[in-house]
């Protein structure tokens, strides 16, 4: 149970980071992305695949696509 709580904390921290970093972070979370298999980042976060969303998000920051 503590693990699930920690995962929820990590998921929320990732959402907050995205919303505060990207100009349209809230919309980005709700937009399907080809590199996430055509699903939204929010769907991947909800499914527990934080690494895929985090990697894509930081790749976007790295290349400066905002």
Protein backbone atom coordinates (compact mmCIF):
# COMPACT_ATOMS: atom_id res chain seq x y z
CA UNK A 1 0.00 0.00 0.00
CA UNK A 2 2.85 2.37 0.73
CA UNK A 3 4.20 1.63 -2.74
CA UNK A 4 0.93 2.68 -4.37
CA UNK A 5 0.91 5.86 -2.31
CA UNK A 6 4.47 6.61 -3.40
CA UNK A 7 3.54 6.01 -7.02
CA UNK A 8 0.63 8.42 -6.67
CA UNK A 9 2.98 11.01 -5.18
CA UNK A 10 5.42 10.52 -8.05
CA UNK A 11 2.63 10.76 -10.61
CA UNK A 12 1.31 13.98 -9.11
CA UNK A 13 4.80 15.45 -8.87
CA UNK A 14 5.32 14.70 -12.58
CA UNK A 15 1.98 16.31 -13.48
CA UNK A 16 2.84 19.42 -11.46
CA UNK A 17 6.30 19.67 -13.03
CA UNK A 18 4.82 19.42 -16.53
CA UNK A 19 2.04 21.95 -15.83
CA UNK A 20 4.50 24.45 -14.38
CA UNK A 21 7.26 23.99 -16.97
CA UNK A 22 5.49 23.76 -20.31
CA UNK A 23 3.53 26.83 -21.45
CA UNK A 24 0.49 24.63 -22.18
CA UNK A 25 1.32 21.78 -19.83
CA UNK A 26 -2.27 20.97 -18.90
CA UNK A 27 -3.21 20.66 -22.57
CA UNK A 28 -0.04 18.68 -23.33
CA UNK A 29 -1.05 16.09 -20.72
CA UNK A 30 -4.39 15.64 -22.51
CA UNK A 31 -3.02 15.45 -26.08
CA UNK A 32 -2.28 12.05 -27.67
CA UNK A 33 1.36 11.67 -28.63
CA UNK A 34 2.84 9.43 -31.30
CA UNK A 35 5.88 8.59 -29.15
CA UNK A 36 3.55 7.34 -26.40
CA UNK A 37 1.76 4.94 -28.72
CA UNK A 38 -0.96 7.42 -29.66
CA UNK A 39 -2.27 7.83 -26.12
CA UNK A 40 -2.13 10.89 -23.91
CA UNK A 41 0.60 11.45 -21.36
CA UNK A 42 -2.13 11.47 -18.71
CA UNK A 43 -3.27 7.99 -19.77
CA UNK A 44 0.30 6.71 -19.53
CA UNK A 45 0.72 8.30 -16.10
CA UNK A 46 -2.54 6.75 -14.92
CA UNK A 47 -1.36 3.37 -16.22
CA UNK A 48 1.79 3.74 -14.11
CA UNK A 49 4.20 4.31 -17.00
CA UNK A 50 5.80 7.40 -15.50
CA UNK A 51 9.17 6.70 -17.10
CA UNK A 52 7.84 7.00 -20.66
CA UNK A 53 6.15 10.33 -19.94
CA UNK A 54 9.10 11.65 -17.94
CA UNK A 55 11.55 10.69 -20.69
CA UNK A 56 9.45 12.34 -23.39
CA UNK A 57 8.91 15.47 -21.27
CA UNK A 58 12.62 15.87 -20.55
CA UNK A 59 13.48 15.20 -24.20
CA UNK A 60 11.18 18.06 -25.16
CA UNK A 61 12.91 20.32 -22.66
CA UNK A 62 16.34 19.21 -23.87
CA UNK A 63 15.69 20.06 -27.51
CA UNK A 64 13.75 23.20 -26.61
CA UNK A 65 10.48 22.35 -28.31
CA UNK A 66 7.99 24.44 -26.40
